[in-house]
Amino acid sequence: LDEMLKKDFLKKVCEVGLKLKHNLQILQKKFPNIIDEVRGEGLMLGIKINQKIENNIVVKNFLELGLLTIPAGENVIRILPPLIIKEKHVNEATKIITKTLENLNIK
């Protein structure tokens, strides 16, 4: 609660959420054969995976590299970080997602 009551807390949450979504949209462009869509607002985001790959497989690969996500309906991977996430964590998650997608890349 102390963190949430700090000045500009929600502003920082919004900024970090925009950064994460932007990074995911860049990865969607880089891996259009894997990522069909980036969904959500703020820090409640989802990555819709192409039907050629099961979202469970991608989630398992993320977990092996240290990124906790969960599968959701319609072959979506739900990303729901804590509100106290910092930009350095977004960068770390982006690296893990990139590495996983490079390893799973299909033509």
N, C-alpha and C. Protein backbone atom coordinates (compact mmCIF):
# COMPACT_ATOMS: atom_id res chain seq x y z
N LEU A 1 0.82 -1.18 0.00
CA LEU A 1 0.00 0.00 0.00
C LEU A 1 0.87 1.26 0.00
N ASP A 2 1.99 1.18 0.72
CA ASP A 2 2.90 2.34 0.75
C ASP A 2 3.38 2.69 -0.65
N GLU A 3 3.69 1.66 -1.45
CA GLU A 3 4.16 1.90 -2.82
C GLU A 3 3.07 2.57 -3.66
N MET A 4 1.85 2.10 -3.52
CA MET A 4 0.75 2.63 -4.31
C MET A 4 0.39 4.06 -3.94
N LEU A 5 0.72 4.46 -2.73
CA LEU A 5 0.41 5.81 -2.28
C LEU A 5 1.50 6.83 -2.60
N LYS A 6 2.62 6.34 -3.13
CA LYS A 6 3.69 7.26 -3.50
C LYS A 6 3.27 8.16 -4.65
N LYS A 7 3.83 9.36 -4.63
CA LYS A 7 3.53 10.33 -5.69
C LYS A 7 3.90 9.76 -7.06
N ASP A 8 3.04 9.97 -8.03
CA ASP A 8 3.25 9.56 -9.42
C ASP A 8 3.30 8.04 -9.62
N PHE A 9 2.79 7.28 -8.64
CA PHE A 9 2.81 5.82 -8.77
C PHE A 9 2.07 5.36 -10.03
N LEU A 10 0.84 5.81 -10.20
CA LEU A 10 0.05 5.38 -11.36
C LEU A 10 0.63 5.88 -12.68
N LYS A 11 1.22 7.05 -12.66
CA LYS A 11 1.87 7.58 -13.86
C LYS A 11 3.00 6.64 -14.28
N LYS A 12 3.79 6.18 -13.31
CA LYS A 12 4.90 5.27 -13.61
C LYS A 12 4.38 3.93 -14.11
N VAL A 13 3.29 3.45 -13.51
CA VAL A 13 2.68 2.19 -13.94
C VAL A 13 2.26 2.30 -15.41
N CYS A 14 1.62 3.40 -15.76
CA CYS A 14 1.19 3.62 -17.15
C CYS A 14 2.37 3.68 -18.11
N GLU A 15 3.41 4.37 -17.71
CA GLU A 15 4.60 4.49 -18.56
C GLU A 15 5.25 3.14 -18.80
N VAL A 16 5.38 2.35 -17.75
CA VAL A 16 6.00 1.03 -17.88
C VAL A 16 5.10 0.12 -18.73
N GLY A 17 3.79 0.22 -18.54
CA GLY A 17 2.86 -0.56 -19.35
C GLY A 17 2.96 -0.22 -20.83
N LEU A 18 3.09 1.05 -21.14
CA LEU A 18 3.25 1.47 -22.54
C LEU A 18 4.55 0.94 -23.12
N LYS A 19 5.60 0.97 -22.32
CA LYS A 19 6.91 0.46 -22.78
C LYS A 19 6.82 -1.04 -23.08
N LEU A 20 6.18 -1.79 -22.18
CA LEU A 20 6.04 -3.23 -22.39
C LEU A 20 5.22 -3.51 -23.64
N LYS A 21 4.10 -2.84 -23.80
CA LYS A 21 3.26 -3.06 -24.98
C LYS A 21 4.00 -2.68 -26.26
N HIS A 22 4.73 -1.57 -26.22
CA HIS A 22 5.52 -1.15 -27.38
C HIS A 22 6.54 -2.22 -27.75
N ASN A 23 7.25 -2.75 -26.75
CA ASN A 23 8.24 -3.79 -27.01
C ASN A 23 7.58 -5.02 -27.63
N LEU A 24 6.40 -5.40 -27.13
CA LEU A 24 5.70 -6.56 -27.67
C LEU A 24 5.24 -6.31 -29.10
N GLN A 25 4.83 -5.09 -29.40
CA GLN A 25 4.41 -4.75 -30.76
C GLN A 25 5.60 -4.80 -31.72
N ILE A 26 6.77 -4.41 -31.25
CA ILE A 26 7.98 -4.52 -32.08
C ILE A 26 8.26 -6.00 -32.36
N LEU A 27 8.11 -6.84 -31.34
CA LEU A 27 8.34 -8.27 -31.54
C LEU A 27 7.29 -8.88 -32.47
N GLN A 28 6.08 -8.36 -32.43
CA GLN A 28 5.04 -8.83 -33.36
C GLN A 28 5.46 -8.56 -34.80
N LYS A 29 6.05 -7.41 -35.03
CA LYS A 29 6.53 -7.08 -36.39
C LYS A 29 7.73 -7.93 -36.78
N LYS A 30 8.58 -8.24 -35.80
CA LYS A 30 9.77 -9.04 -36.06
C LYS A 30 9.43 -10.52 -36.27
N PHE A 31 8.38 -10.99 -35.58
CA PHE A 31 7.98 -12.40 -35.65
C PHE A 31 6.50 -12.52 -36.04
N PRO A 32 6.12 -12.02 -37.22
CA PRO A 32 4.70 -12.06 -37.61
C PRO A 32 4.18 -13.48 -37.83
N ASN A 33 5.08 -14.41 -38.05
CA ASN A 33 4.69 -15.81 -38.23
C ASN A 33 4.43 -16.51 -36.90
N ILE A 34 4.72 -15.84 -35.78
CA ILE A 34 4.48 -16.41 -34.46
C ILE A 34 3.43 -15.60 -33.70
N ILE A 35 3.60 -14.28 -33.67
CA ILE A 35 2.67 -13.41 -32.93
C ILE A 35 1.62 -12.85 -33.87
N ASP A 36 0.37 -13.22 -33.62
CA ASP A 36 -0.74 -12.70 -34.42
C ASP A 36 -1.22 -11.35 -33.93
N GLU A 37 -1.15 -11.14 -32.62
CA GLU A 37 -1.73 -9.92 -32.06
C GLU A 37 -1.19 -9.67 -30.65
N VAL A 38 -1.07 -8.40 -30.31
CA VAL A 38 -0.77 -7.99 -28.94
C VAL A 38 -2.03 -7.33 -28.42
N ARG A 39 -2.53 -7.81 -27.28
CA ARG A 39 -3.80 -7.33 -26.73
C ARG A 39 -3.61 -6.72 -25.35
N GLY A 40 -4.58 -5.90 -24.96
CA GLY A 40 -4.63 -5.43 -23.59
C GLY A 40 -4.23 -3.98 -23.43
N GLU A 41 -4.33 -3.54 -22.19
CA GLU A 41 -3.99 -2.17 -21.81
C GLU A 41 -3.19 -2.19 -20.52
N GLY A 42 -2.39 -1.15 -20.34
CA GLY A 42 -1.60 -1.04 -19.11
C GLY A 42 -0.67 -2.22 -18.96
N LEU A 43 -0.72 -2.83 -17.79
CA LEU A 43 0.12 -4.00 -17.54
C LEU A 43 -0.64 -5.31 -17.67
N MET A 44 -1.88 -5.25 -18.14
CA MET A 44 -2.67 -6.46 -18.40
C MET A 44 -2.63 -6.73 -19.90
N LEU A 45 -1.63 -7.50 -20.31
CA LEU A 45 -1.39 -7.70 -21.74
C LEU A 45 -1.46 -9.18 -22.11
N GLY A 46 -1.69 -9.41 -23.39
CA GLY A 46 -1.70 -10.76 -23.92
C GLY A 46 -1.04 -10.80 -25.27
N ILE A 47 -0.40 -11.92 -25.55
CA ILE A 47 0.22 -12.16 -26.86
C ILE A 47 -0.55 -13.31 -27.49
N LYS A 48 -1.23 -13.04 -28.61
CA LYS A 48 -1.93 -14.11 -29.32
C LYS A 48 -0.94 -14.79 -30.25
N ILE A 49 -0.76 -16.08 -30.02
CA ILE A 49 0.23 -16.86 -30.75
C ILE A 49 -0.43 -17.52 -31.96
N ASN A 50 0.30 -17.57 -33.06
CA ASN A 50 -0.16 -18.26 -34.26
C ASN A 50 -0.55 -19.69 -33.92
N GLN A 51 -1.60 -20.18 -34.55
CA GLN A 51 -2.11 -21.52 -34.25
C GLN A 51 -1.12 -22.65 -34.55
N LYS A 52 -0.05 -22.35 -35.27
CA LYS A 52 0.95 -23.38 -35.57
C LYS A 52 1.74 -23.78 -34.33
N ILE A 53 1.72 -22.93 -33.31
CA ILE A 53 2.45 -23.19 -32.07
C ILE A 53 1.46 -23.08 -30.91
N GLU A 54 1.47 -24.05 -30.02
CA GLU A 54 0.59 -23.98 -28.86
C GLU A 54 1.14 -23.00 -27.83
N ASN A 55 0.24 -22.21 -27.25
CA ASN A 55 0.69 -21.23 -26.26
C ASN A 55 1.35 -21.91 -25.06
N ASN A 56 0.94 -23.14 -24.74
CA ASN A 56 1.56 -23.86 -23.62
C ASN A 56 3.05 -24.10 -23.84
N ILE A 57 3.42 -24.35 -25.08
CA ILE A 57 4.84 -24.58 -25.40
C ILE A 57 5.63 -23.29 -25.19
N VAL A 58 5.08 -22.18 -25.64
CA VAL A 58 5.76 -20.89 -25.48
C VAL A 58 5.87 -20.54 -24.00
N VAL A 59 4.80 -20.73 -23.25
CA VAL A 59 4.81 -20.44 -21.81
C VAL A 59 5.88 -21.27 -21.11
N LYS A 60 5.98 -22.54 -21.48
CA LYS A 60 7.00 -23.43 -20.90
C LYS A 60 8.41 -22.91 -21.20
N ASN A 61 8.63 -22.46 -22.42
CA ASN A 61 9.94 -21.93 -22.79
C ASN A 61 10.24 -20.63 -22.06
N PHE A 62 9.24 -19.77 -21.90
CA PHE A 62 9.44 -18.54 -21.11
C PHE A 62 9.86 -18.90 -19.69
N LEU A 63 9.16 -19.86 -19.09
CA LEU A 63 9.43 -20.25 -17.70
C LEU A 63 10.85 -20.79 -17.55
N GLU A 64 11.30 -21.58 -18.51
CA GLU A 64 12.65 -22.13 -18.46
C GLU A 64 13.71 -21.02 -18.45
N LEU A 65 13.37 -19.87 -19.02
CA LEU A 65 14.30 -18.74 -19.05
C LEU A 65 14.02 -17.72 -17.94
N GLY A 66 13.04 -18.02 -17.08
CA GLY A 66 12.80 -17.17 -15.92
C GLY A 66 11.66 -16.18 -16.02
N LEU A 67 10.80 -16.32 -17.03
CA LEU A 67 9.67 -15.40 -17.20
C LEU A 67 8.38 -16.15 -16.92
N LEU A 68 7.64 -15.70 -15.92
CA LEU A 68 6.40 -16.34 -15.53
C LEU A 68 5.23 -15.71 -16.27
N THR A 69 4.55 -16.52 -17.08
CA THR A 69 3.35 -16.11 -17.81
C THR A 69 2.37 -17.26 -17.69
N ILE A 70 1.13 -17.05 -18.17
CA ILE A 70 0.16 -18.14 -18.14
C ILE A 70 -0.59 -18.20 -19.47
N PRO A 71 -0.97 -19.41 -19.88
CA PRO A 71 -1.76 -19.53 -21.09
C PRO A 71 -3.19 -19.08 -20.82
N ALA A 72 -3.82 -18.52 -21.84
CA ALA A 72 -5.21 -18.09 -21.75
C ALA A 72 -5.92 -18.56 -23.01
N GLY A 73 -7.20 -18.31 -23.10
CA GLY A 73 -7.99 -18.77 -24.23
C GLY A 73 -7.51 -18.22 -25.55
N GLU A 74 -7.99 -18.83 -26.63
CA GLU A 74 -7.68 -18.41 -27.99
C GLU A 74 -6.19 -18.37 -28.29
N ASN A 75 -5.43 -19.27 -27.69
CA ASN A 75 -3.98 -19.36 -27.91
C ASN A 75 -3.26 -18.08 -27.53
N VAL A 76 -3.66 -17.50 -26.42
CA VAL A 76 -3.08 -16.26 -25.90
C VAL A 76 -2.18 -16.57 -24.71
N ILE A 77 -1.12 -15.81 -24.60
CA ILE A 77 -0.25 -15.87 -23.42
C ILE A 77 -0.50 -14.60 -22.63
N ARG A 78 -0.91 -14.76 -21.40
CA ARG A 78 -1.22 -13.62 -20.55
C ARG A 78 0.05 -13.16 -19.83
N ILE A 79 0.29 -11.85 -19.91
CA ILE A 79 1.40 -11.22 -19.21
C ILE A 79 0.79 -10.24 -18.23
N LEU A 80 1.02 -10.48 -16.96
CA LEU A 80 0.41 -9.67 -15.92
C LEU A 80 1.43 -9.41 -14.81
N PRO A 81 2.39 -8.51 -15.08
CA PRO A 81 3.42 -8.24 -14.07
C PRO A 81 2.87 -7.43 -12.89
N PRO A 82 3.58 -7.42 -11.79
CA PRO A 82 3.13 -6.61 -10.66
C PRO A 82 3.21 -5.12 -10.99
N LEU A 83 2.42 -4.35 -10.28
CA LEU A 83 2.39 -2.90 -10.52
C LEU A 83 3.71 -2.21 -10.18
N ILE A 84 4.56 -2.87 -9.42
CA ILE A 84 5.84 -2.26 -9.03
C ILE A 84 6.96 -2.57 -10.02
N ILE A 85 6.60 -3.14 -11.16
CA ILE A 85 7.60 -3.46 -12.18
C ILE A 85 8.33 -2.18 -12.63
N LYS A 86 9.59 -2.34 -12.95
CA LYS A 86 10.41 -1.23 -13.41
C LYS A 86 10.82 -1.48 -14.86
N GLU A 87 11.30 -0.43 -15.51
CA GLU A 87 11.69 -0.55 -16.92
C GLU A 87 12.77 -1.61 -17.12
N LYS A 88 13.67 -1.77 -16.17
CA LYS A 88 14.72 -2.79 -16.31
C LYS A 88 14.11 -4.19 -16.36
N HIS A 89 12.98 -4.40 -15.67
CA HIS A 89 12.31 -5.69 -15.71
C HIS A 89 11.63 -5.91 -17.07
N VAL A 90 11.09 -4.83 -17.63
CA VAL A 90 10.49 -4.91 -18.97
C VAL A 90 11.57 -5.29 -19.98
N ASN A 91 12.74 -4.69 -19.86
CA ASN A 91 13.84 -5.00 -20.78
C ASN A 91 14.28 -6.45 -20.63
N GLU A 92 14.34 -6.93 -19.40
CA GLU A 92 14.72 -8.32 -19.15
C GLU A 92 13.67 -9.27 -19.74
N ALA A 93 12.40 -8.97 -19.53
CA ALA A 93 11.33 -9.81 -20.09
C ALA A 93 11.37 -9.80 -21.62
N THR A 94 11.64 -8.64 -22.20
CA THR A 94 11.72 -8.53 -23.66
C THR A 94 12.84 -9.41 -24.20
N LYS A 95 13.96 -9.44 -23.52
CA LYS A 95 15.08 -10.30 -23.95
C LYS A 95 14.68 -11.77 -23.91
N ILE A 96 13.99 -12.18 -22.84
CA ILE A 96 13.56 -13.57 -22.71
C ILE A 96 12.55 -13.92 -23.81
N ILE A 97 11.61 -13.05 -24.05
CA ILE A 97 10.61 -13.29 -25.09
C ILE A 97 11.28 -13.38 -26.45
N THR A 98 12.19 -12.46 -26.72
CA THR A 98 12.92 -12.47 -28.00
C THR A 98 13.68 -13.77 -28.19
N LYS A 99 14.42 -14.18 -27.18
CA LYS A 99 15.21 -15.41 -27.27
C LYS A 99 14.30 -16.62 -27.52
N THR A 100 13.19 -16.67 -26.82
CA THR A 100 12.25 -17.77 -27.00
C THR A 100 11.70 -17.78 -28.42
N LEU A 101 11.29 -16.62 -28.91
CA LEU A 101 10.72 -16.56 -30.26
C LEU A 101 11.75 -16.88 -31.32
N GLU A 102 12.98 -16.48 -31.11
CA GLU A 102 14.05 -16.85 -32.05
C GLU A 102 14.22 -18.36 -32.10
N ASN A 103 14.15 -19.00 -30.93
CA ASN A 103 14.30 -20.46 -30.87
C ASN A 103 13.10 -21.19 -31.48
N LEU A 104 11.92 -20.59 -31.39
CA LEU A 104 10.71 -21.22 -31.92
C LEU A 104 10.36 -20.78 -33.33
N ASN A 105 11.13 -19.87 -33.89
CA ASN A 105 10.78 -19.25 -35.17
C ASN A 105 10.47 -20.29 -36.23
N ILE A 106 9.31 -20.10 -36.85
CA ILE A 106 8.88 -21.00 -37.92
C ILE A 106 8.71 -20.19 -39.19
N LYS A 107 8.89 -20.79 -40.28
CA LYS A 107 8.76 -20.10 -41.58
C LYS A 107 7.41 -20.38 -42.18
